[in-house]
Amino acid sequence: MSNWIAITIGDVTGIGPEVTLKAVADELPRGGWNYLLIGDSAYLKELNSRLALGLKLTPFENYKQPGRIALHSPGPDLPQRLGAGAAEAARAALDWLRDAAQRCLRAEAAAMITAPVNKESIIRSGQSFLGQTEFLSELADTNRTVMMLLGADDRQRWLRVALVTTHLPLRMVAEKLERSKVELAIERAAEACALLRLPRVRVGVCGLNPHAGEGGQLGNEEQTIIAPAVEACRKKGIEVAGPLAADTLFHYALRGDYDAVVAMYHDQGLAPLKMIAFESGVNWTLGLPFIRTSPDHGTAYDIAGKGIANPSSMIAALRLAQQLAQQNHASATF
């Protein structure tokens, strides 16, 4: 099994490179893993110096080379002093994502962590793009991935939220909601709890409508789509409850009644998650044939280049990926 972790640095005009270097500097003393930073090498070297991190960055040659941090820059070097959201940076970020995913698919890297990209900038650059999760799913030739966001508050109370739909306009959510997608999200949420080695796996499922539809008075998706999916998963042996009113379910999950929540749409799940773990939340793509995590924040163009970006979410993403990869190592050598 590989002892390399691949990290894509995201949009170089955002805070991705900064939080990447800070996270690696934080984790390096813990030992055990080597880091392949995929992005603009010249920019990373200059940033390492500017932040006074003192990291020993060496060009990547092979997986047996000495040193624990290697730099690999697919494609041409980027121009200096690019403006926020520059097309060159957006296109390069996708090249770096593709490179890291292919390394994971070849089992050359044990996991990949992806720093933030900007969807709007990528689309403006002429690329078709829904999000990193969808991009990686297509590369891995799978349509059975689920996005999970997880984080804890200052009392170490966790929320783990799997999303049935992701990057959709709100008016399209009901139209795109399908029983099979709800079932998949429940199954992936239960699998995630098992992979995290939680002592219990209990999943709570949100309704789509206010008050979970009020028995069909405020919409019937709960009765026609969500409840049948919950029952199907219950028959498969999953301990799952729902559909439940979302405005109370997250309270019960935070106090420990549920180990994971399945939300029907993006902001239904992410608003409460970011409320408790804005600076330390992690995005974990469930169902890929490799481990992929990312920080749960964007490119933050407004503070890029100022040296003040908080790396907490990137550190959490790195630690989760390493935890999962270590478990894979242990299973492979058992």
C-alpha atoms as a PDB file:
ATOM      1  CA  MET A   1       0.000   0.000   0.000  1.00  0.00           C
ATOM      2  CA  SER A   2       1.202   3.509  -0.813  1.00  0.00           C
ATOM      3  CA  ASN A   3       2.374   5.817   1.966  1.00  0.00           C
ATOM      4  CA  TRP A   4       1.815   8.907  -0.196  1.00  0.00           C
ATOM      5  CA  ILE A   5      -1.064  11.342   0.176  1.00  0.00           C
ATOM      6  CA  ALA A   6      -1.835  13.454  -2.899  1.00  0.00           C
ATOM      7  CA  ILE A   7      -2.983  17.027  -2.277  1.00  0.00           C
ATOM      8  CA  THR A   8      -4.224  19.322  -5.027  1.00  0.00           C
ATOM      9  CA  ILE A   9      -3.675  22.973  -4.151  1.00  0.00           C
ATOM     10  CA  GLY A  10      -6.834  24.244  -5.856  1.00  0.00           C
ATOM     11  CA  ASP A  11      -7.203  27.704  -7.348  1.00  0.00           C
ATOM     12  CA  VAL A  12      -3.868  29.469  -6.809  1.00  0.00           C
ATOM     13  CA  THR A  13      -5.588  32.851  -6.690  1.00  0.00           C
ATOM     14  CA  GLY A  14      -7.495  31.686  -3.605  1.00  0.00           C
ATOM     15  CA  ILE A  15      -6.380  30.419  -0.208  1.00  0.00           C
ATOM     16  CA  GLY A  16      -5.920  26.778  -1.261  1.00  0.00           C
ATOM     17  CA  PRO A  17      -2.113  26.859  -1.541  1.00  0.00           C
ATOM     18  CA  GLU A  18      -1.795  28.657   1.798  1.00  0.00           C
ATOM     19  CA  VAL A  19      -3.999  26.296   3.799  1.00  0.00           C
ATOM     20  CA  THR A  20      -2.322  23.327   2.089  1.00  0.00           C
ATOM     21  CA  LEU A  21       1.158  24.336   3.187  1.00  0.00           C
ATOM     22  CA  LYS A  22      -0.004  25.258   6.684  1.00  0.00           C
ATOM     23  CA  ALA A  23      -1.828  21.940   7.081  1.00  0.00           C
ATOM     24  CA  VAL A  24       1.165  19.913   5.905  1.00  0.00           C
ATOM     25  CA  ALA A  25       3.424  21.858   8.268  1.00  0.00           C
ATOM     26  CA  ASP A  26       1.035  21.030  11.115  1.00  0.00           C
ATOM     27  CA  GLU A  27       0.837  17.326  10.271  1.00  0.00           C
ATOM     28  CA  LEU A  28       4.448  16.656   9.291  1.00  0.00           C
ATOM     29  CA  PRO A  29       5.734  16.135  12.864  1.00  0.00           C
ATOM     30  CA  ARG A  30       3.192  13.355  13.376  1.00  0.00           C
ATOM     31  CA  GLY A  31       5.099  11.244  10.843  1.00  0.00           C
ATOM     32  CA  GLY A  32       3.960   8.262   8.823  1.00  0.00           C
ATOM     33  CA  TRP A  33       2.928   9.839   5.523  1.00  0.00           C
ATOM     34  CA  ASN A  34       4.602  11.479   2.574  1.00  0.00           C
ATOM     35  CA  TYR A  35       2.847  14.318   0.754  1.00  0.00           C
ATOM     36  CA  LEU A  36       2.693  14.911  -2.984  1.00  0.00           C
ATOM     37  CA  LEU A  37       1.554  18.503  -3.560  1.00  0.00           C
ATOM     38  CA  ILE A  38       0.076  18.820  -7.030  1.00  0.00           C
ATOM     39  CA  GLY A  39       0.019  22.347  -8.387  1.00  0.00           C
ATOM     40  CA  ASP A  40       2.280  25.202  -9.434  1.00  0.00           C
ATOM     41  CA  SER A  41       5.665  24.352  -7.921  1.00  0.00           C
ATOM     42  CA  ALA A  42       7.192  27.800  -8.302  1.00  0.00           C
ATOM     43  CA  TYR A  43       4.238  29.393  -6.538  1.00  0.00           C
ATOM     44  CA  LEU A  44       4.397  26.887  -3.681  1.00  0.00           C
ATOM     45  CA  LYS A  45       8.110  27.472  -3.148  1.00  0.00           C
ATOM     46  CA  GLU A  46       7.633  31.233  -3.051  1.00  0.00           C
ATOM     47  CA  LEU A  47       4.672  30.907  -0.677  1.00  0.00           C
ATOM     48  CA  ASN A  48       6.591  28.557   1.614  1.00  0.00           C
ATOM     49  CA  SER A  49       9.287  31.214   1.902  1.00  0.00           C
ATOM     50  CA  ARG A  50       6.835  34.069   2.375  1.00  0.00           C
ATOM     51  CA  LEU A  51       4.983  32.239   5.149  1.00  0.00           C
ATOM     52  CA  ALA A  52       8.310  31.264   6.771  1.00  0.00           C
ATOM     53  CA  LEU A  53       7.149  27.656   7.173  1.00  0.00           C
ATOM     54  CA  GLY A  54      10.546  26.150   6.470  1.00  0.00           C
ATOM     55  CA  LEU A  55       9.163  23.133   4.640  1.00  0.00           C
ATOM     56  CA  LYS A  56      11.643  21.102   2.585  1.00  0.00           C
ATOM     57  CA  LEU A  57       9.991  20.965  -0.831  1.00  0.00           C
ATOM     58  CA  THR A  58      11.602  18.768  -3.489  1.00  0.00           C
ATOM     59  CA  PRO A  59      10.583  18.100  -7.095  1.00  0.00           C
ATOM     60  CA  PHE A  60       8.747  14.819  -7.524  1.00  0.00           C
ATOM     61  CA  GLU A  61      10.746  12.120  -9.299  1.00  0.00           C
ATOM     62  CA  ASN A  62       9.397   8.827  -8.008  1.00  0.00           C
ATOM     63  CA  TYR A  63       7.636   7.349  -5.008  1.00  0.00           C
ATOM     64  CA  LYS A  64      10.877   6.059  -3.492  1.00  0.00           C
ATOM     65  CA  GLN A  65      12.706   9.392  -3.435  1.00  0.00           C
ATOM     66  CA  PRO A  66      13.996  10.803  -0.140  1.00  0.00           C
ATOM     67  CA  GLY A  67      12.127  13.560   1.621  1.00  0.00           C
ATOM     68  CA  ARG A  68       8.523  13.691   2.737  1.00  0.00           C
ATOM     69  CA  ILE A  69       7.114  16.556   0.662  1.00  0.00           C
ATOM     70  CA  ALA A  70       7.311  16.443  -3.120  1.00  0.00           C
ATOM     71  CA  LEU A  71       6.041  18.941  -5.680  1.00  0.00           C
ATOM     72  CA  HIS A  72       4.512  18.017  -9.011  1.00  0.00           C
ATOM     73  CA  SER A  73       3.274  20.592 -11.483  1.00  0.00           C
ATOM     74  CA  PRO A  74       1.349  19.065 -14.422  1.00  0.00           C
ATOM     75  CA  GLY A  75       1.198  21.424 -17.347  1.00  0.00           C
ATOM     76  CA  PRO A  76       2.978  24.743 -17.926  1.00  0.00           C
ATOM     77  CA  ASP A  77       3.892  27.141 -15.123  1.00  0.00           C
ATOM     78  CA  LEU A  78       1.241  29.749 -14.427  1.00  0.00           C
ATOM     79  CA  PRO A  79       1.897  33.448 -15.005  1.00  0.00           C
ATOM     80  CA  GLN A  80       2.785  35.435 -11.904  1.00  0.00           C
ATOM     81  CA  ARG A  81       0.344  37.867 -10.246  1.00  0.00           C
ATOM     82  CA  LEU A  82      -2.858  36.398 -11.635  1.00  0.00           C
ATOM     83  CA  GLY A  83      -6.066  38.165 -10.688  1.00  0.00           C
ATOM     84  CA  ALA A  84      -8.674  36.493  -8.497  1.00  0.00           C
ATOM     85  CA  GLY A  85     -10.526  33.793 -10.422  1.00  0.00           C
ATOM     86  CA  ALA A  86      -8.231  33.981 -13.462  1.00  0.00           C
ATOM     87  CA  ALA A  87      -9.101  31.536 -16.240  1.00  0.00           C
ATOM     88  CA  GLU A  88      -5.548  30.137 -16.314  1.00  0.00           C
ATOM     89  CA  ALA A  89      -5.775  29.235 -12.624  1.00  0.00           C
ATOM     90  CA  ALA A  90      -9.223  27.686 -13.032  1.00  0.00           C
ATOM     91  CA  ARG A  91      -8.158  25.451 -15.910  1.00  0.00           C
ATOM     92  CA  ALA A  92      -4.960  24.424 -14.131  1.00  0.00           C
ATOM     93  CA  ALA A  93      -6.914  23.429 -11.017  1.00  0.00           C
ATOM     94  CA  LEU A  94      -8.872  20.881 -13.073  1.00  0.00           C
ATOM     95  CA  ASP A  95      -5.657  19.467 -14.565  1.00  0.00           C
ATOM     96  CA  TRP A  96      -4.305  19.004 -11.039  1.00  0.00           C
ATOM     97  CA  LEU A  97      -7.500  17.296  -9.893  1.00  0.00           C
ATOM     98  CA  ARG A  98      -7.331  14.910 -12.819  1.00  0.00           C
ATOM     99  CA  ASP A  99      -3.681  14.081 -12.127  1.00  0.00           C
ATOM    100  CA  ALA A 100      -4.303  13.281  -8.451  1.00  0.00           C
ATOM    101  CA  ALA A 101      -7.376  11.158  -9.179  1.00  0.00           C
ATOM    102  CA  GLN A 102      -5.505   9.109 -11.748  1.00  0.00           C
ATOM    103  CA  ARG A 103      -2.721   8.463  -9.225  1.00  0.00           C
ATOM    104  CA  CYS A 104      -5.314   7.233  -6.724  1.00  0.00           C
ATOM    105  CA  LEU A 105      -6.994   5.048  -9.341  1.00  0.00           C
ATOM    106  CA  ARG A 106      -3.588   3.485 -10.043  1.00  0.00           C
ATOM    107  CA  ALA A 107      -3.110   2.982  -6.265  1.00  0.00           C
ATOM    108  CA  GLU A 108      -0.008   5.177  -6.317  1.00  0.00           C
ATOM    109  CA  ALA A 109      -1.491   7.419  -3.627  1.00  0.00           C
ATOM    110  CA  ALA A 110      -3.396   6.222  -0.564  1.00  0.00           C
ATOM    111  CA  ALA A 111      -5.791   9.175  -0.614  1.00  0.00           C
ATOM    112  CA  MET A 112      -6.316  12.605  -2.094  1.00  0.00           C
ATOM    113  CA  ILE A 113      -7.214  15.899  -0.475  1.00  0.00           C
ATOM    114  CA  THR A 114      -8.495  18.690  -2.674  1.00  0.00           C
ATOM    115  CA  ALA A 115      -8.058  22.359  -1.817  1.00  0.00           C
ATOM    116  CA  PRO A 116     -10.856  24.718  -2.909  1.00  0.00           C
ATOM    117  CA  VAL A 117     -11.656  25.648  -6.477  1.00  0.00           C
ATOM    118  CA  ASN A 118     -14.167  28.230  -7.647  1.00  0.00           C
ATOM    119  CA  LYS A 119     -17.027  26.841  -9.705  1.00  0.00           C
ATOM    120  CA  GLU A 120     -17.940  30.168 -11.271  1.00  0.00           C
ATOM    121  CA  SER A 121     -14.334  30.803 -12.369  1.00  0.00           C
ATOM    122  CA  ILE A 122     -14.051  27.335 -13.907  1.00  0.00           C
ATOM    123  CA  ILE A 123     -17.278  27.735 -15.870  1.00  0.00           C
ATOM    124  CA  ARG A 124     -16.221  31.212 -17.037  1.00  0.00           C
ATOM    125  CA  SER A 125     -12.941  29.687 -18.260  1.00  0.00           C
ATOM    126  CA  GLY A 126     -14.915  27.555 -20.708  1.00  0.00           C
ATOM    127  CA  GLN A 127     -15.075  24.280 -18.784  1.00  0.00           C
ATOM    128  CA  SER A 128     -18.243  22.334 -18.023  1.00  0.00           C
ATOM    129  CA  PHE A 129     -18.219  21.854 -14.252  1.00  0.00           C
ATOM    130  CA  LEU A 130     -20.741  21.018 -11.520  1.00  0.00           C
ATOM    131  CA  GLY A 131     -18.290  20.530  -8.656  1.00  0.00           C
ATOM    132  CA  GLN A 132     -15.237  18.556  -7.594  1.00  0.00           C
ATOM    133  CA  THR A 133     -17.384  15.664  -6.343  1.00  0.00           C
ATOM    134  CA  GLU A 134     -19.096  15.300  -9.713  1.00  0.00           C
ATOM    135  CA  PHE A 135     -15.810  15.772 -11.602  1.00  0.00           C
ATOM    136  CA  LEU A 136     -14.099  13.002  -9.637  1.00  0.00           C
ATOM    137  CA  SER A 137     -17.115  10.711  -9.926  1.00  0.00           C
ATOM    138  CA  GLU A 138     -16.972  11.006 -13.702  1.00  0.00           C
ATOM    139  CA  LEU A 139     -13.240  10.278 -13.740  1.00  0.00           C
ATOM    140  CA  ALA A 140     -13.838   7.208 -11.587  1.00  0.00           C
ATOM    141  CA  ASP A 141     -16.724   6.136 -13.847  1.00  0.00           C
ATOM    142  CA  THR A 142     -19.268   5.930 -11.040  1.00  0.00           C
ATOM    143  CA  ASN A 143     -22.642   7.541 -10.435  1.00  0.00           C
ATOM    144  CA  ARG A 144     -23.023   6.162  -6.909  1.00  0.00           C
ATOM    145  CA  THR A 145     -21.142   8.762  -4.927  1.00  0.00           C
ATOM    146  CA  VAL A 146     -22.592  10.782  -2.073  1.00  0.00           C
ATOM    147  CA  MET A 147     -21.254  13.956  -0.505  1.00  0.00           C
ATOM    148  CA  MET A 148     -20.895  13.864   3.275  1.00  0.00           C
ATOM    149  CA  LEU A 149     -19.968  16.873   5.406  1.00  0.00           C
ATOM    150  CA  LEU A 150     -18.841  16.331   8.964  1.00  0.00           C
ATOM    151  CA  GLY A 151     -17.605  18.440  11.826  1.00  0.00           C
ATOM    152  CA  ALA A 152     -17.812  18.977  15.567  1.00  0.00           C
ATOM    153  CA  ASP A 153     -18.607  21.944  17.773  1.00  0.00           C
ATOM    154  CA  ASP A 154     -16.411  23.203  20.607  1.00  0.00           C
ATOM    155  CA  ARG A 155     -17.890  20.512  22.877  1.00  0.00           C
ATOM    156  CA  GLN A 156     -16.938  17.770  20.411  1.00  0.00           C
ATOM    157  CA  ARG A 157     -20.543  17.091  19.456  1.00  0.00           C
ATOM    158  CA  TRP A 158     -20.553  15.816  15.874  1.00  0.00           C
ATOM    159  CA  LEU A 159     -22.787  16.292  12.876  1.00  0.00           C
ATOM    160  CA  ARG A 160     -22.312  13.988   9.895  1.00  0.00           C
ATOM    161  CA  VAL A 161     -24.543  14.935   6.987  1.00  0.00           C
ATOM    162  CA  ALA A 162     -24.992  13.024   3.727  1.00  0.00           C
ATOM    163  CA  LEU A 163     -26.695  14.847   0.850  1.00  0.00           C
ATOM    164  CA  VAL A 164     -29.232  13.289  -1.508  1.00  0.00           C
ATOM    165  CA  THR A 165     -28.868  16.150  -4.016  1.00  0.00           C
ATOM    166  CA  THR A 166     -25.960  18.576  -4.184  1.00  0.00           C
ATOM    167  CA  HIS A 167     -25.493  21.477  -6.576  1.00  0.00           C
ATOM    168  CA  LEU A 168     -29.016  22.102  -7.819  1.00  0.00           C
ATOM    169  CA  PRO A 169     -31.189  25.207  -7.921  1.00  0.00           C
ATOM    170  CA  LEU A 170     -33.697  24.934  -5.094  1.00  0.00           C
ATOM    171  CA  ARG A 171     -36.660  24.939  -7.491  1.00  0.00           C
ATOM    172  CA  MET A 172     -35.312  21.718  -9.080  1.00  0.00           C
ATOM    173  CA  VAL A 173     -34.790  19.683  -5.911  1.00  0.00           C
ATOM    174  CA  ALA A 174     -38.276  18.137  -5.734  1.00  0.00           C
ATOM    175  CA  GLU A 175     -38.145  17.351  -9.435  1.00  0.00           C
ATOM    176  CA  LYS A 176     -34.795  15.539  -9.123  1.00  0.00           C
ATOM    177  CA  LEU A 177     -35.579  13.705  -5.886  1.00  0.00           C
ATOM    178  CA  GLU A 178     -35.752   9.943  -6.433  1.00  0.00           C
ATOM    179  CA  ARG A 179     -36.247   7.017  -4.103  1.00  0.00           C
ATOM    180  CA  SER A 180     -33.057   5.361  -5.366  1.00  0.00           C
ATOM    181  CA  LYS A 181     -31.029   8.474  -4.529  1.00  0.00           C
ATOM    182  CA  VAL A 182     -32.463   8.639  -1.018  1.00  0.00           C
ATOM    183  CA  GLU A 183     -31.686   4.950  -0.496  1.00  0.00           C
ATOM    184  CA  LEU A 184     -28.137   5.448  -1.749  1.00  0.00           C
ATOM    185  CA  ALA A 185     -27.536   8.365   0.620  1.00  0.00           C
ATOM    186  CA  ILE A 186     -28.843   6.344   3.588  1.00  0.00           C
ATOM    187  CA  GLU A 187     -26.665   3.369   2.676  1.00  0.00           C
ATOM    188  CA  ARG A 188     -23.571   5.520   2.192  1.00  0.00           C
ATOM    189  CA  ALA A 189     -24.204   7.331   5.483  1.00  0.00           C
ATOM    190  CA  ALA A 190     -24.399   4.001   7.313  1.00  0.00           C
ATOM    191  CA  GLU A 191     -21.229   2.787   5.562  1.00  0.00           C
ATOM    192  CA  ALA A 192     -19.440   5.991   6.571  1.00  0.00           C
ATOM    193  CA  CYS A 193     -20.317   5.473  10.226  1.00  0.00           C
ATOM    194  CA  ALA A 194     -18.925   1.949   9.987  1.00  0.00           C
ATOM    195  CA  LEU A 195     -15.730   3.191   8.299  1.00  0.00           C
ATOM    196  CA  LEU A 196     -15.329   5.720  11.105  1.00  0.00           C
ATOM    197  CA  ARG A 197     -15.683   2.781  13.518  1.00  0.00           C
ATOM    198  CA  LEU A 198     -18.435   4.416  15.489  1.00  0.00           C
ATOM    199  CA  PRO A 199     -19.893   2.206  18.223  1.00  0.00           C
ATOM    200  CA  ARG A 200     -23.393   2.656  16.787  1.00  0.00           C
ATOM    201  CA  VAL A 201     -24.850   3.375  13.357  1.00  0.00           C
ATOM    202  CA  ARG A 202     -28.166   5.218  13.582  1.00  0.00           C
ATOM    203  CA  VAL A 203     -29.260   7.373  10.642  1.00  0.00           C
ATOM    204  CA  GLY A 204     -31.926  10.099  10.734  1.00  0.00           C
ATOM    205  CA  VAL A 205     -33.517  11.175   7.437  1.00  0.00           C
ATOM    206  CA  CYS A 206     -34.858  14.673   6.809  1.00  0.00           C
ATOM    207  CA  GLY A 207     -38.137  15.368   5.125  1.00  0.00           C
ATOM    208  CA  LEU A 208     -38.071  17.671   2.129  1.00  0.00           C
ATOM    209  CA  ASN A 209     -40.940  19.933   3.135  1.00  0.00           C
ATOM    210  CA  PRO A 210     -41.595  21.912   6.327  1.00  0.00           C
ATOM    211  CA  HIS A 211     -42.679  19.626   9.187  1.00  0.00           C
ATOM    212  CA  ALA A 212     -41.861  16.637   6.942  1.00  0.00           C
ATOM    213  CA  GLY A 213     -44.909  17.444   4.827  1.00  0.00           C
ATOM    214  CA  GLU A 214     -47.568  17.481   7.565  1.00  0.00           C
ATOM    215  CA  GLY A 215     -48.991  14.152   6.425  1.00  0.00           C
ATOM    216  CA  GLY A 216     -49.190  15.286   2.810  1.00  0.00           C
ATOM    217  CA  GLN A 217     -50.661  18.704   3.504  1.00  0.00           C
ATOM    218  CA  LEU A 218     -47.389  20.502   2.630  1.00  0.00           C
ATOM    219  CA  GLY A 219     -46.198  18.206  -0.136  1.00  0.00           C
ATOM    220  CA  ASN A 220     -46.212  14.460  -0.722  1.00  0.00           C
ATOM    221  CA  GLU A 221     -42.518  13.701  -1.378  1.00  0.00           C
ATOM    222  CA  GLU A 222     -42.227  12.318   2.149  1.00  0.00           C
ATOM    223  CA  GLN A 223     -44.975   9.786   1.473  1.00  0.00           C
ATOM    224  CA  THR A 224     -44.134   8.858  -2.117  1.00  0.00           C
ATOM    225  CA  ILE A 225     -40.322   8.974  -2.161  1.00  0.00           C
ATOM    226  CA  ILE A 226     -38.605   9.355   1.215  1.00  0.00           C
ATOM    227  CA  ALA A 227     -40.638   7.013   3.442  1.00  0.00           C
ATOM    228  CA  PRO A 228     -40.441   4.095   0.953  1.00  0.00           C
ATOM    229  CA  ALA A 229     -36.658   4.598   0.723  1.00  0.00           C
ATOM    230  CA  VAL A 230     -36.358   4.573   4.515  1.00  0.00           C
ATOM    231  CA  GLU A 231     -38.414   1.404   4.762  1.00  0.00           C
ATOM    232  CA  ALA A 232     -36.337  -0.308   2.056  1.00  0.00           C
ATOM    233  CA  CYS A 233     -33.133   0.501   3.939  1.00  0.00           C
ATOM    234  CA  ARG A 234     -34.662  -0.660   7.205  1.00  0.00           C
ATOM    235  CA  LYS A 235     -35.362  -4.028   5.551  1.00  0.00           C
ATOM    236  CA  LYS A 236     -31.673  -4.176   4.607  1.00  0.00           C
ATOM    237  CA  GLY A 237     -30.773  -4.014   8.294  1.00  0.00           C
ATOM    238  CA  ILE A 238     -29.929  -0.320   8.593  1.00  0.00           C
ATOM    239  CA  GLU A 239     -31.106   1.410  11.761  1.00  0.00           C
ATOM    240  CA  VAL A 240     -32.773   4.412  10.174  1.00  0.00           C
ATOM    241  CA  ALA A 241     -35.601   6.764  11.113  1.00  0.00           C
ATOM    242  CA  GLY A 242     -37.580   9.222   9.010  1.00  0.00           C
ATOM    243  CA  PRO A 243     -38.678  11.218   7.270  1.00  0.00           C
ATOM    244  CA  LEU A 244     -38.348  13.654  10.159  1.00  0.00           C
ATOM    245  CA  ALA A 245     -38.785  17.414  10.291  1.00  0.00           C
ATOM    246  CA  ALA A 246     -35.388  18.883   9.476  1.00  0.00           C
ATOM    247  CA  ASP A 247     -35.787  21.804  11.857  1.00  0.00           C
ATOM    248  CA  THR A 248     -35.692  19.426  14.837  1.00  0.00           C
ATOM    249  CA  LEU A 249     -33.684  16.483  13.474  1.00  0.00           C
ATOM    250  CA  PHE A 250     -30.384  18.367  13.554  1.00  0.00           C
ATOM    251  CA  HIS A 251     -30.957  19.247  17.212  1.00  0.00           C
ATOM    252  CA  TYR A 252     -31.464  15.576  18.047  1.00  0.00           C
ATOM    253  CA  ALA A 253     -28.431  14.561  15.986  1.00  0.00           C
ATOM    254  CA  LEU A 254     -26.216  17.117  17.714  1.00  0.00           C
ATOM    255  CA  ARG A 255     -27.202  15.822  21.135  1.00  0.00           C
ATOM    256  CA  GLY A 256     -26.273  12.307  20.028  1.00  0.00           C
ATOM    257  CA  ASP A 257     -29.558  10.615  19.128  1.00  0.00           C
ATOM    258  CA  TYR A 258     -28.354  10.008  15.560  1.00  0.00           C
ATOM    259  CA  ASP A 259     -24.884   9.268  14.212  1.00  0.00           C
ATOM    260  CA  ALA A 260     -25.554  10.630  10.729  1.00  0.00           C
ATOM    261  CA  VAL A 261     -28.238  12.696   9.024  1.00  0.00           C
ATOM    262  CA  VAL A 262     -29.417  12.409   5.434  1.00  0.00           C
ATOM    263  CA  ALA A 263     -30.476  15.791   4.032  1.00  0.00           C
ATOM    264  CA  MET A 264     -32.456  16.241   0.850  1.00  0.00           C
ATOM    265  CA  TYR A 265     -30.603  19.253  -0.534  1.00  0.00           C
ATOM    266  CA  HIS A 266     -27.400  21.233  -0.166  1.00  0.00           C
ATOM    267  CA  ASP A 267     -28.314  24.045   2.206  1.00  0.00           C
ATOM    268  CA  GLN A 268     -30.681  21.923   4.290  1.00  0.00           C
ATOM    269  CA  GLY A 269     -27.641  19.938   5.401  1.00  0.00           C
ATOM    270  CA  LEU A 270     -24.824  22.454   5.185  1.00  0.00           C
ATOM    271  CA  ALA A 271     -26.400  25.359   7.062  1.00  0.00           C
ATOM    272  CA  PRO A 272     -26.494  23.512  10.409  1.00  0.00           C
ATOM    273  CA  LEU A 273     -23.129  21.859   9.758  1.00  0.00           C
ATOM    274  CA  LYS A 274     -21.414  25.180   9.098  1.00  0.00           C
ATOM    275  CA  MET A 275     -23.171  26.711  12.078  1.00  0.00           C
ATOM    276  CA  ILE A 276     -21.240  24.410  14.409  1.00  0.00           C
ATOM    277  CA  ALA A 277     -18.042  23.754  12.415  1.00  0.00           C
ATOM    278  CA  PHE A 278     -17.503  26.637  10.034  1.00  0.00           C
ATOM    279  CA  GLU A 279     -13.711  26.571  10.349  1.00  0.00           C
ATOM    280  CA  SER A 280     -13.196  22.825  10.779  1.00  0.00           C
ATOM    281  CA  GLY A 281     -15.809  21.046   8.646  1.00  0.00           C
ATOM    282  CA  VAL A 282     -14.716  18.368   6.187  1.00  0.00           C
ATOM    283  CA  ASN A 283     -16.187  17.254   2.868  1.00  0.00           C
ATOM    284  CA  TRP A 284     -15.844  13.494   2.321  1.00  0.00           C
ATOM    285  CA  THR A 285     -16.889  11.887  -0.973  1.00  0.00           C
ATOM    286  CA  LEU A 286     -18.490   8.530  -0.210  1.00  0.00           C
ATOM    287  CA  GLY A 287     -18.535   5.796  -2.838  1.00  0.00           C
ATOM    288  CA  LEU A 288     -15.416   6.629  -4.819  1.00  0.00           C
ATOM    289  CA  PRO A 289     -12.917   3.791  -5.349  1.00  0.00           C
ATOM    290  CA  PHE A 290     -10.382   5.899  -3.439  1.00  0.00           C
ATOM    291  CA  ILE A 291     -10.369   8.205  -0.426  1.00  0.00           C
ATOM    292  CA  ARG A 292     -11.107  11.849  -1.126  1.00  0.00           C
ATOM    293  CA  THR A 293     -11.627  14.617   1.404  1.00  0.00           C
ATOM    294  CA  SER A 294     -11.534  18.398   1.211  1.00  0.00           C
ATOM    295  CA  PRO A 295     -11.956  21.417   3.450  1.00  0.00           C
ATOM    296  CA  ASP A 296     -15.507  22.686   3.722  1.00  0.00           C
ATOM    297  CA  HIS A 297     -14.855  26.235   2.529  1.00  0.00           C
ATOM    298  CA  GLY A 298     -14.245  28.104  -0.680  1.00  0.00           C
ATOM    299  CA  THR A 299     -11.433  30.020  -2.299  1.00  0.00           C
ATOM    300  CA  ALA A 300     -11.896  33.137  -0.107  1.00  0.00           C
ATOM    301  CA  TYR A 301     -10.464  35.492  -2.729  1.00  0.00           C
ATOM    302  CA  ASP A 302     -10.895  38.414  -0.331  1.00  0.00           C
ATOM    303  CA  ILE A 303      -8.143  37.187   2.020  1.00  0.00           C
ATOM    304  CA  ALA A 304      -5.949  35.309  -0.471  1.00  0.00           C
ATOM    305  CA  GLY A 305      -2.300  36.325  -0.347  1.00  0.00           C
ATOM    306  CA  LYS A 306      -2.563  37.962   3.072  1.00  0.00           C
ATOM    307  CA  GLY A 307      -1.192  35.011   5.052  1.00  0.00           C
ATOM    308  CA  ILE A 308      -4.166  34.968   7.437  1.00  0.00           C
ATOM    309  CA  ALA A 309      -6.159  31.971   6.129  1.00  0.00           C
ATOM    310  CA  ASN A 310      -7.208  29.524   8.841  1.00  0.00           C
ATOM    311  CA  PRO A 311      -6.036  25.988   7.945  1.00  0.00           C
ATOM    312  CA  SER A 312      -8.276  24.194  10.495  1.00  0.00           C
ATOM    313  CA  SER A 313     -10.619  22.697   7.889  1.00  0.00           C
ATOM    314  CA  MET A 314      -7.715  21.576   5.698  1.00  0.00           C
ATOM    315  CA  ILE A 315      -6.016  20.004   8.717  1.00  0.00           C
ATOM    316  CA  ALA A 316      -9.237  18.164   9.552  1.00  0.00           C
ATOM    317  CA  ALA A 317      -9.542  16.966   5.939  1.00  0.00           C
ATOM    318  CA  LEU A 318      -5.959  15.744   5.989  1.00  0.00           C
ATOM    319  CA  ARG A 319      -6.409  13.926   9.293  1.00  0.00           C
ATOM    320  CA  LEU A 320      -9.606  12.207   8.163  1.00  0.00           C
ATOM    321  CA  ALA A 321      -7.976  11.046   4.923  1.00  0.00           C
ATOM    322  CA  GLN A 322      -4.979   9.719   6.851  1.00  0.00           C
ATOM    323  CA  GLN A 323      -7.231   7.951   9.364  1.00  0.00           C
ATOM    324  CA  LEU A 324      -9.143   6.211   6.584  1.00  0.00           C
ATOM    325  CA  ALA A 325      -5.960   5.366   4.680  1.00  0.00           C
ATOM    326  CA  GLN A 326      -4.376   3.932   7.821  1.00  0.00           C
ATOM    327  CA  GLN A 327      -7.396   1.680   8.295  1.00  0.00           C
ATOM    328  CA  ASN A 328      -7.014   0.520   4.698  1.00  0.00           C
ATOM    329  CA  HIS A 329      -3.353  -0.252   5.389  1.00  0.00           C
ATOM    330  CA  ALA A 330      -4.278  -2.206   8.494  1.00  0.00           C
ATOM    331  CA  SER A 331      -6.929  -4.197   6.609  1.00  0.00           C
ATOM    332  CA  ALA A 332      -4.502  -4.971   3.796  1.00  0.00           C
ATOM    333  CA  THR A 333      -1.858  -6.332   6.184  1.00  0.00           C
ATOM    334  CA  PHE A 334      -4.233  -8.237   8.481  1.00  0.00           C
END
